[in-house]
Amino acid sequence: MPTVKMTTHLFRFFPALENRELTVPAGSVAEVVRAVDVLAPGFSDYVLDERGALRRHVNLCVNDAMVVDRKTLSDRVGDDATVYVFQALSGG
């Protein structure tokens, strides 16, 4: 089962995810996000916009590769993968 890791600031909004190993069923990135949302309701609203696309300032990586399909999240997540969720750094 894939593992999901995220930056610690997200635990402020989703304390149910803190201090636990997050494993979810393999599938698409969209399915992984939905599985995390079951564990911490509201998680998908935080990382996805109203159309279900990845928010502009959120990044997801599967292992060492950035998610390519930011609109439908169809990138595949294998059984031994690690999905990383983190805020994008931007500004001027």
PDB file of N, CA and C in Angstrom:
ATOM      1  N   MET A   1       0.842  -1.180   0.000  1.00  0.00           N
ATOM      2  CA  MET A   1       0.000   0.000   0.000  1.00  0.00           C
ATOM      3  C   MET A   1       0.889   1.246   0.000  1.00  0.00           C
ATOM      4  N   PRO A   2       0.526   2.247  -0.777  1.00  0.00           N
ATOM      5  CA  PRO A   2       1.308   3.488  -0.809  1.00  0.00           C
ATOM      6  C   PRO A   2       1.268   4.207   0.541  1.00  0.00           C
ATOM      7  N   THR A   3       2.310   4.959   0.791  1.00  0.00           N
ATOM      8  CA  THR A   3       2.414   5.794   1.979  1.00  0.00           C
ATOM      9  C   THR A   3       2.202   7.248   1.566  1.00  0.00           C
ATOM     10  N   VAL A   4       1.522   8.016   2.402  1.00  0.00           N
ATOM     11  CA  VAL A   4       1.317   9.444   2.153  1.00  0.00           C
ATOM     12  C   VAL A   4       2.055  10.217   3.236  1.00  0.00           C
ATOM     13  N   LYS A   5       2.881  11.166   2.807  1.00  0.00           N
ATOM     14  CA  LYS A   5       3.597  12.033   3.733  1.00  0.00           C
ATOM     15  C   LYS A   5       3.274  13.475   3.372  1.00  0.00           C
ATOM     16  N   MET A   6       3.287  14.336   4.381  1.00  0.00           N
ATOM     17  CA  MET A   6       2.961  15.735   4.128  1.00  0.00           C
ATOM     18  C   MET A   6       3.753  16.636   5.055  1.00  0.00           C
ATOM     19  N   THR A   7       3.813  17.899   4.695  1.00  0.00           N
ATOM     20  CA  THR A   7       4.498  18.863   5.539  1.00  0.00           C
ATOM     21  C   THR A   7       3.743  19.002   6.861  1.00  0.00           C
ATOM     22  N   THR A   8       4.497  19.255   7.917  1.00  0.00           N
ATOM     23  CA  THR A   8       3.909  19.264   9.260  1.00  0.00           C
ATOM     24  C   THR A   8       2.876  20.368   9.478  1.00  0.00           C
ATOM     25  N   HIS A   9       2.939  21.447   8.717  1.00  0.00           N
ATOM     26  CA  HIS A   9       1.943  22.513   8.933  1.00  0.00           C
ATOM     27  C   HIS A   9       0.526  22.034   8.639  1.00  0.00           C
ATOM     28  N   LEU A  10       0.367  20.997   7.819  1.00  0.00           N
ATOM     29  CA  LEU A  10      -0.974  20.481   7.522  1.00  0.00           C
ATOM     30  C   LEU A  10      -1.618  19.824   8.739  1.00  0.00           C
ATOM     31  N   PHE A  11      -0.801  19.365   9.687  1.00  0.00           N
ATOM     32  CA  PHE A  11      -1.357  18.740  10.885  1.00  0.00           C
ATOM     33  C   PHE A  11      -2.132  19.739  11.741  1.00  0.00           C
ATOM     34  N   ARG A  12      -1.842  21.010  11.586  1.00  0.00           N
ATOM     35  CA  ARG A  12      -2.603  22.034  12.302  1.00  0.00           C
ATOM     36  C   ARG A  12      -4.068  22.003  11.868  1.00  0.00           C
ATOM     37  N   PHE A  13      -4.295  21.728  10.594  1.00  0.00           N
ATOM     38  CA  PHE A  13      -5.658  21.665  10.057  1.00  0.00           C
ATOM     39  C   PHE A  13      -6.254  20.260  10.153  1.00  0.00           C
ATOM     40  N   PHE A  14      -5.370  19.251  10.176  1.00  0.00           N
ATOM     41  CA  PHE A  14      -5.816  17.851  10.180  1.00  0.00           C
ATOM     42  C   PHE A  14      -5.078  17.062  11.254  1.00  0.00           C
ATOM     43  N   PRO A  15      -5.366  17.346  12.520  1.00  0.00           N
ATOM     44  CA  PRO A  15      -4.643  16.694  13.613  1.00  0.00           C
ATOM     45  C   PRO A  15      -4.813  15.173  13.630  1.00  0.00           C
ATOM     46  N   ALA A  16      -5.865  14.664  13.022  1.00  0.00           N
ATOM     47  CA  ALA A  16      -6.073  13.212  12.981  1.00  0.00           C
ATOM     48  C   ALA A  16      -4.975  12.499  12.189  1.00  0.00           C
ATOM     49  N   LEU A  17      -4.239  13.235  11.361  1.00  0.00           N
ATOM     50  CA  LEU A  17      -3.187  12.633  10.540  1.00  0.00           C
ATOM     51  C   LEU A  17      -1.817  12.659  11.206  1.00  0.00           C
ATOM     52  N   GLU A  18      -1.699  13.410  12.295  1.00  0.00           N
ATOM     53  CA  GLU A  18      -0.397  13.580  12.943  1.00  0.00           C
ATOM     54  C   GLU A  18       0.002  12.312  13.696  1.00  0.00           C
ATOM     55  N   ASN A  19       1.292  12.029  13.691  1.00  0.00           N
ATOM     56  CA  ASN A  19       1.878  10.909  14.433  1.00  0.00           C
ATOM     57  C   ASN A  19       1.313   9.556  14.033  1.00  0.00           C
ATOM     58  N   ARG A  20       1.045   9.391  12.768  1.00  0.00           N
ATOM     59  CA  ARG A  20       0.601   8.088  12.282  1.00  0.00           C
ATOM     60  C   ARG A  20       1.160   7.853  10.899  1.00  0.00           C
ATOM     61  N   GLU A  21       1.363   6.598  10.576  1.00  0.00           N
ATOM     62  CA  GLU A  21       1.794   6.259   9.223  1.00  0.00           C
ATOM     63  C   GLU A  21       0.546   6.165   8.365  1.00  0.00           C
ATOM     64  N   LEU A  22       0.511   6.976   7.312  1.00  0.00           N
ATOM     65  CA  LEU A  22      -0.650   6.995   6.425  1.00  0.00           C
ATOM     66  C   LEU A  22      -0.420   6.051   5.266  1.00  0.00           C
ATOM     67  N   THR A  23      -1.187   4.998   5.210  1.00  0.00           N
ATOM     68  CA  THR A  23      -1.153   4.101   4.068  1.00  0.00           C
ATOM     69  C   THR A  23      -2.562   4.033   3.501  1.00  0.00           C
ATOM     70  N   VAL A  24      -2.625   4.029   2.187  1.00  0.00           N
ATOM     71  CA  VAL A  24      -3.909   4.039   1.483  1.00  0.00           C
ATOM     72  C   VAL A  24      -3.827   3.043   0.329  1.00  0.00           C
ATOM     73  N   PRO A  25      -4.949   2.632  -0.234  1.00  0.00           N
ATOM     74  CA  PRO A  25      -4.904   1.725  -1.382  1.00  0.00           C
ATOM     75  C   PRO A  25      -4.243   2.383  -2.598  1.00  0.00           C
ATOM     76  N   ALA A  26      -3.580   1.576  -3.403  1.00  0.00           N
ATOM     77  CA  ALA A  26      -2.979   2.055  -4.651  1.00  0.00           C
ATOM     78  C   ALA A  26      -4.092   2.437  -5.621  1.00  0.00           C
ATOM     79  N   GLY A  27      -3.756   3.266  -6.588  1.00  0.00           N
ATOM     80  CA  GLY A  27      -4.723   3.704  -7.596  1.00  0.00           C
ATOM     81  C   GLY A  27      -4.237   4.986  -8.221  1.00  0.00           C
ATOM     82  N   SER A  28      -5.148   5.865  -8.527  1.00  0.00           N
ATOM     83  CA  SER A  28      -4.778   7.167  -9.081  1.00  0.00           C
ATOM     84  C   SER A  28      -4.506   8.143  -7.936  1.00  0.00           C
ATOM     85  N   VAL A  29      -3.905   9.273  -8.250  1.00  0.00           N
ATOM     86  CA  VAL A  29      -3.691  10.306  -7.247  1.00  0.00           C
ATOM     87  C   VAL A  29      -5.041  10.763  -6.690  1.00  0.00           C
ATOM     88  N   ALA A  30      -6.052  10.868  -7.545  1.00  0.00           N
ATOM     89  CA  ALA A  30      -7.391  11.265  -7.084  1.00  0.00           C
ATOM     90  C   ALA A  30      -7.919  10.283  -6.040  1.00  0.00           C
ATOM     91  N   GLU A  31      -7.697   8.999  -6.247  1.00  0.00           N
ATOM     92  CA  GLU A  31      -8.156   7.992  -5.296  1.00  0.00           C
ATOM     93  C   GLU A  31      -7.378   8.089  -3.982  1.00  0.00           C
ATOM     94  N   VAL A  32      -6.099   8.401  -4.056  1.00  0.00           N
ATOM     95  CA  VAL A  32      -5.288   8.581  -2.854  1.00  0.00           C
ATOM     96  C   VAL A  32      -5.809   9.770  -2.049  1.00  0.00           C
ATOM     97  N   VAL A  33      -6.083  10.879  -2.722  1.00  0.00           N
ATOM     98  CA  VAL A  33      -6.602  12.064  -2.029  1.00  0.00           C
ATOM     99  C   VAL A  33      -7.937  11.744  -1.369  1.00  0.00           C
ATOM    100  N   ARG A  34      -8.805  11.026  -2.064  1.00  0.00           N
ATOM    101  CA  ARG A  34     -10.104  10.647  -1.475  1.00  0.00           C
ATOM    102  C   ARG A  34      -9.911   9.756  -0.247  1.00  0.00           C
ATOM    103  N   ALA A  35      -8.949   8.845  -0.306  1.00  0.00           N
ATOM    104  CA  ALA A  35      -8.697   7.960   0.834  1.00  0.00           C
ATOM    105  C   ALA A  35      -8.200   8.747   2.046  1.00  0.00           C
ATOM    106  N   VAL A  36      -7.351   9.730   1.828  1.00  0.00           N
ATOM    107  CA  VAL A  36      -6.885  10.576   2.941  1.00  0.00           C
ATOM    108  C   VAL A  36      -8.050  11.396   3.476  1.00  0.00           C
ATOM    109  N   ASP A  37      -8.939  11.830   2.600  1.00  0.00           N
ATOM    110  CA  ASP A  37     -10.103  12.614   3.018  1.00  0.00           C
ATOM    111  C   ASP A  37     -11.019  11.806   3.936  1.00  0.00           C
ATOM    112  N   VAL A  38     -11.077  10.502   3.740  1.00  0.00           N
ATOM    113  CA  VAL A  38     -11.874   9.646   4.631  1.00  0.00           C
ATOM    114  C   VAL A  38     -11.275   9.665   6.040  1.00  0.00           C
ATOM    115  N   LEU A  39      -9.947   9.673   6.123  1.00  0.00           N
ATOM    116  CA  LEU A  39      -9.263   9.695   7.417  1.00  0.00           C
ATOM    117  C   LEU A  39      -9.330  11.063   8.080  1.00  0.00           C
ATOM    118  N   ALA A  40      -9.342  12.111   7.265  1.00  0.00           N
ATOM    119  CA  ALA A  40      -9.364  13.491   7.769  1.00  0.00           C
ATOM    120  C   ALA A  40     -10.316  14.302   6.894  1.00  0.00           C
ATOM    121  N   PRO A  41     -11.603  14.298   7.210  1.00  0.00           N
ATOM    122  CA  PRO A  41     -12.573  15.027   6.391  1.00  0.00           C
ATOM    123  C   PRO A  41     -12.175  16.486   6.193  1.00  0.00           C
ATOM    124  N   GLY A  42     -12.298  16.941   4.957  1.00  0.00           N
ATOM    125  CA  GLY A  42     -11.926  18.293   4.599  1.00  0.00           C
ATOM    126  C   GLY A  42     -10.570  18.379   3.924  1.00  0.00           C
ATOM    127  N   PHE A  43      -9.793  17.295   3.980  1.00  0.00           N
ATOM    128  CA  PHE A  43      -8.467  17.294   3.370  1.00  0.00           C
ATOM    129  C   PHE A  43      -8.546  17.579   1.873  1.00  0.00           C
ATOM    130  N   SER A  44      -9.472  16.922   1.183  1.00  0.00           N
ATOM    131  CA  SER A  44      -9.575  17.145  -0.269  1.00  0.00           C
ATOM    132  C   SER A  44      -9.976  18.578  -0.581  1.00  0.00           C
ATOM    133  N   ASP A  45     -10.809  19.186   0.251  1.00  0.00           N
ATOM    134  CA  ASP A  45     -11.177  20.595   0.039  1.00  0.00           C
ATOM    135  C   ASP A  45      -9.966  21.509   0.189  1.00  0.00           C
ATOM    136  N   TYR A  46      -9.035  21.109   1.024  1.00  0.00           N
ATOM    137  CA  TYR A  46      -7.837  21.921   1.248  1.00  0.00           C
ATOM    138  C   TYR A  46      -6.881  21.843   0.061  1.00  0.00           C
ATOM    139  N   VAL A  47      -6.729  20.659  -0.533  1.00  0.00           N
ATOM    140  CA  VAL A  47      -5.742  20.496  -1.609  1.00  0.00           C
ATOM    141  C   VAL A  47      -6.333  20.623  -3.006  1.00  0.00           C
ATOM    142  N   LEU A  48      -7.655  20.494  -3.131  1.00  0.00           N
ATOM    143  CA  LEU A  48      -8.302  20.569  -4.443  1.00  0.00           C
ATOM    144  C   LEU A  48      -9.213  21.780  -4.537  1.00  0.00           C
ATOM    145  N   ASP A  49      -9.344  22.308  -5.747  1.00  0.00           N
ATOM    146  CA  ASP A  49     -10.262  23.434  -5.947  1.00  0.00           C
ATOM    147  C   ASP A  49     -11.674  22.910  -6.200  1.00  0.00           C
ATOM    148  N   GLU A  50     -12.595  23.811  -6.505  1.00  0.00           N
ATOM    149  CA  GLU A  50     -14.002  23.439  -6.685  1.00  0.00           C
ATOM    150  C   GLU A  50     -14.250  22.534  -7.890  1.00  0.00           C
ATOM    151  N   ARG A  51     -13.292  22.442  -8.807  1.00  0.00           N
ATOM    152  CA  ARG A  51     -13.415  21.552  -9.966  1.00  0.00           C
ATOM    153  C   ARG A  51     -12.711  20.218  -9.753  1.00  0.00           C
ATOM    154  N   GLY A  52     -12.103  20.045  -8.595  1.00  0.00           N
ATOM    155  CA  GLY A  52     -11.396  18.804  -8.300  1.00  0.00           C
ATOM    156  C   GLY A  52      -9.955  18.787  -8.769  1.00  0.00           C
ATOM    157  N   ALA A  53      -9.461  19.920  -9.250  1.00  0.00           N
ATOM    158  CA  ALA A  53      -8.067  20.040  -9.688  1.00  0.00           C
ATOM    159  C   ALA A  53      -7.198  20.432  -8.492  1.00  0.00           C
ATOM    160  N   LEU A  54      -5.933  20.109  -8.592  1.00  0.00           N
ATOM    161  CA  LEU A  54      -4.986  20.473  -7.536  1.00  0.00           C
ATOM    162  C   LEU A  54      -4.900  21.987  -7.442  1.00  0.00           C
ATOM    163  N   ARG A  55      -5.005  22.514  -6.246  1.00  0.00           N
ATOM    164  CA  ARG A  55      -4.908  23.963  -6.054  1.00  0.00           C
ATOM    165  C   ARG A  55      -3.553  24.471  -6.519  1.00  0.00           C
ATOM    166  N   ARG A  56      -3.523  25.709  -6.934  1.00  0.00           N
ATOM    167  CA  ARG A  56      -2.330  26.325  -7.523  1.00  0.00           C
ATOM    168  C   ARG A  56      -1.110  26.264  -6.614  1.00  0.00           C
ATOM    169  N   HIS A  57      -1.309  26.428  -5.326  1.00  0.00           N
ATOM    170  CA  HIS A  57      -0.178  26.488  -4.404  1.00  0.00           C
ATOM    171  C   HIS A  57       0.020  25.207  -3.597  1.00  0.00           C
ATOM    172  N   VAL A  58      -0.470  24.099  -4.141  1.00  0.00           N
ATOM    173  CA  VAL A  58      -0.254  22.787  -3.533  1.00  0.00           C
ATOM    174  C   VAL A  58       0.470  21.920  -4.551  1.00  0.00           C
ATOM    175  N   ASN A  59       1.468  21.204  -4.085  1.00  0.00           N
ATOM    176  CA  ASN A  59       2.190  20.266  -4.948  1.00  0.00           C
ATOM    177  C   ASN A  59       2.043  18.864  -4.413  1.00  0.00           C
ATOM    178  N   LEU A  60       2.002  17.922  -5.339  1.00  0.00           N
ATOM    179  CA  LEU A  60       1.991  16.514  -4.997  1.00  0.00           C
ATOM    180  C   LEU A  60       3.067  15.830  -5.820  1.00  0.00           C
ATOM    181  N   CYS A  61       3.798  14.955  -5.169  1.00  0.00           N
ATOM    182  CA  CYS A  61       4.801  14.141  -5.860  1.00  0.00           C
ATOM    183  C   CYS A  61       4.494  12.676  -5.588  1.00  0.00           C
ATOM    184  N   VAL A  62       4.729  11.861  -6.592  1.00  0.00           N
ATOM    185  CA  VAL A  62       4.696  10.418  -6.416  1.00  0.00           C
ATOM    186  C   VAL A  62       6.138   9.969  -6.533  1.00  0.00           C
ATOM    187  N   ASN A  63       6.662   9.493  -5.425  1.00  0.00           N
ATOM    188  CA  ASN A  63       8.085   9.208  -5.281  1.00  0.00           C
ATOM    189  C   ASN A  63       8.866  10.478  -5.577  1.00  0.00           C
ATOM    190  N   ASP A  64       9.672  10.499  -6.613  1.00  0.00           N
ATOM    191  CA  ASP A  64      10.476  11.698  -6.887  1.00  0.00           C
ATOM    192  C   ASP A  64       9.981  12.488  -8.094  1.00  0.00           C
ATOM    193  N   ALA A  65       8.745  12.229  -8.531  1.00  0.00           N
ATOM    194  CA  ALA A  65       8.203  12.912  -9.711  1.00  0.00           C
ATOM    195  C   ALA A  65       6.967  13.736  -9.352  1.00  0.00           C
ATOM    196  N   MET A  66       6.973  14.994  -9.791  1.00  0.00           N
ATOM    197  CA  MET A  66       5.795  15.845  -9.591  1.00  0.00           C
ATOM    198  C   MET A  66       4.612  15.255 -10.357  1.00  0.00           C
ATOM    199  N   VAL A  67       3.424  15.403  -9.796  1.00  0.00           N
ATOM    200  CA  VAL A  67       2.211  14.953 -10.464  1.00  0.00           C
ATOM    201  C   VAL A  67       2.063  15.734 -11.767  1.00  0.00           C
ATOM    202  N   VAL A  68       1.856  15.033 -12.852  1.00  0.00           N
ATOM    203  CA  VAL A  68       1.746  15.661 -14.166  1.00  0.00           C
ATOM    204  C   VAL A  68       0.323  16.162 -14.402  1.00  0.00           C
ATOM    205  N   ASP A  69      -0.662  15.332 -14.103  1.00  0.00           N
ATOM    206  CA  ASP A  69      -2.061  15.673 -14.358  1.00  0.00           C
ATOM    207  C   ASP A  69      -2.646  16.389 -13.141  1.00  0.00           C
ATOM    208  N   ARG A  70      -2.526  17.701 -13.106  1.00  0.00           N
ATOM    209  CA  ARG A  70      -3.018  18.498 -11.989  1.00  0.00           C
ATOM    210  C   ARG A  70      -4.529  18.732 -12.062  1.00  0.00           C
ATOM    211  N   LYS A  71      -5.157  18.415 -13.210  1.00  0.00           N
ATOM    212  CA  LYS A  71      -6.600  18.670 -13.375  1.00  0.00           C
ATOM    213  C   LYS A  71      -7.459  17.493 -12.927  1.00  0.00           C
ATOM    214  N   THR A  72      -7.142  16.281 -13.398  1.00  0.00           N
ATOM    215  CA  THR A  72      -7.970  15.129 -13.038  1.00  0.00           C
ATOM    216  C   THR A  72      -7.260  14.159 -12.105  1.00  0.00           C
ATOM    217  N   LEU A  73      -5.971  14.409 -11.836  1.00  0.00           N
ATOM    218  CA  LEU A  73      -5.188  13.605 -10.904  1.00  0.00           C
ATOM    219  C   LEU A  73      -5.173  12.125 -11.290  1.00  0.00           C
ATOM    220  N   SER A  74      -4.955  11.879 -12.579  1.00  0.00           N
ATOM    221  CA  SER A  74      -4.983  10.509 -13.086  1.00  0.00           C
ATOM    222  C   SER A  74      -3.647   9.781 -12.967  1.00  0.00           C
ATOM    223  N   ASP A  75      -2.579  10.464 -12.545  1.00  0.00           N
ATOM    224  CA  ASP A  75      -1.282   9.804 -12.375  1.00  0.00           C
ATOM    225  C   ASP A  75      -1.466   8.571 -11.491  1.00  0.00           C
ATOM    226  N   ARG A  76      -0.774   7.491 -11.828  1.00  0.00           N
ATOM    227  CA  ARG A  76      -0.898   6.238 -11.084  1.00  0.00           C
ATOM    228  C   ARG A  76       0.008   6.229  -9.865  1.00  0.00           C
ATOM    229  N   VAL A  77      -0.478   5.627  -8.808  1.00  0.00           N
ATOM    230  CA  VAL A  77       0.273   5.468  -7.564  1.00  0.00           C
ATOM    231  C   VAL A  77       0.362   3.966  -7.300  1.00  0.00           C
ATOM    232  N   GLY A  78       1.581   3.443  -7.381  1.00  0.00           N
ATOM    233  CA  GLY A  78       1.786   2.008  -7.183  1.00  0.00           C
ATOM    234  C   GLY A  78       1.779   1.608  -5.719  1.00  0.00           C
ATOM    235  N   ASP A  79       1.753   0.304  -5.492  1.00  0.00           N
ATOM    236  CA  ASP A  79       1.702  -0.236  -4.131  1.00  0.00           C
ATOM    237  C   ASP A  79       2.858   0.196  -3.249  1.00  0.00           C
ATOM    238  N   ASP A  80       4.038   0.349  -3.833  1.00  0.00           N
ATOM    239  CA  ASP A  80       5.218   0.684  -3.031  1.00  0.00           C
ATOM    240  C   ASP A  80       5.590   2.166  -3.117  1.00  0.00           C
ATOM    241  N   ALA A  81       4.686   2.992  -3.603  1.00  0.00           N
ATOM    242  CA  ALA A  81       4.971   4.422  -3.810  1.00  0.00           C
ATOM    243  C   ALA A  81       4.817   5.220  -2.523  1.00  0.00           C
ATOM    244  N   THR A  82       5.424   6.400  -2.537  1.00  0.00           N
ATOM    245  CA  THR A  82       5.213   7.397  -1.492  1.00  0.00           C
ATOM    246  C   THR A  82       4.683   8.656  -2.168  1.00  0.00           C
ATOM    247  N   VAL A  83       3.572   9.162  -1.660  1.00  0.00           N
ATOM    248  CA  VAL A  83       2.974  10.391  -2.167  1.00  0.00           C
ATOM    249  C   VAL A  83       3.303  11.495  -1.166  1.00  0.00           C
ATOM    250  N   TYR A  84       3.883  12.580  -1.657  1.00  0.00           N
ATOM    251  CA  TYR A  84       4.252  13.727  -0.831  1.00  0.00           C
ATOM    252  C   TYR A  84       3.307  14.883  -1.141  1.00  0.00           C
ATOM    253  N   VAL A  85       2.753  15.503  -0.106  1.00  0.00           N
ATOM    254  CA  VAL A  85       1.856  16.652  -0.251  1.00  0.00           C
ATOM    255  C   VAL A  85       2.527  17.833   0.429  1.00  0.00           C
ATOM    256  N   PHE A  86       2.684  18.942  -0.319  1.00  0.00           N
ATOM    257  CA  PHE A  86       3.316  20.099   0.292  1.00  0.00           C
ATOM    258  C   PHE A  86       2.881  21.370  -0.411  1.00  0.00           C
ATOM    259  N   GLN A  87       2.995  22.475   0.295  1.00  0.00           N
ATOM    260  CA  GLN A  87       2.682  23.793  -0.260  1.00  0.00           C
ATOM    261  C   GLN A  87       3.773  24.213  -1.231  1.00  0.00           C
ATOM    262  N   ALA A  88       3.375  24.805  -2.324  1.00  0.00           N
ATOM    263  CA  ALA A  88       4.338  25.374  -3.263  1.00  0.00           C
ATOM    264  C   ALA A  88       4.840  26.706  -2.688  1.00  0.00           C
ATOM    265  N   LEU A  89       6.100  26.973  -2.870  1.00  0.00           N
ATOM    266  CA  LEU A  89       6.650  28.251  -2.459  1.00  0.00           C
ATOM    267  C   LEU A  89       6.572  29.204  -3.641  1.00  0.00           C
ATOM    268  N   SER A  90       5.967  30.349  -3.421  1.00  0.00           N
ATOM    269  CA  SER A  90       5.846  31.326  -4.493  1.00  0.00           C
ATOM    270  C   SER A  90       5.881  32.725  -3.890  1.00  0.00           C
ATOM    271  N   GLY A  91       5.953  33.664  -4.722  1.00  0.00           N
ATOM    272  CA  GLY A  91       5.978  35.041  -4.262  1.00  0.00           C
ATOM    273  C   GLY A  91       7.083  35.815  -4.925  1.00  0.00           C
ATOM    274  N   GLY A  92       7.279  37.013  -4.487  1.00  0.00           N
ATOM    275  CA  GLY A  92       8.275  37.833  -5.144  1.00  0.00           C
ATOM    276  C   GLY A  92       9.173  38.548  -4.197  1.00  0.00           C
TER     277      GLY A  92
END
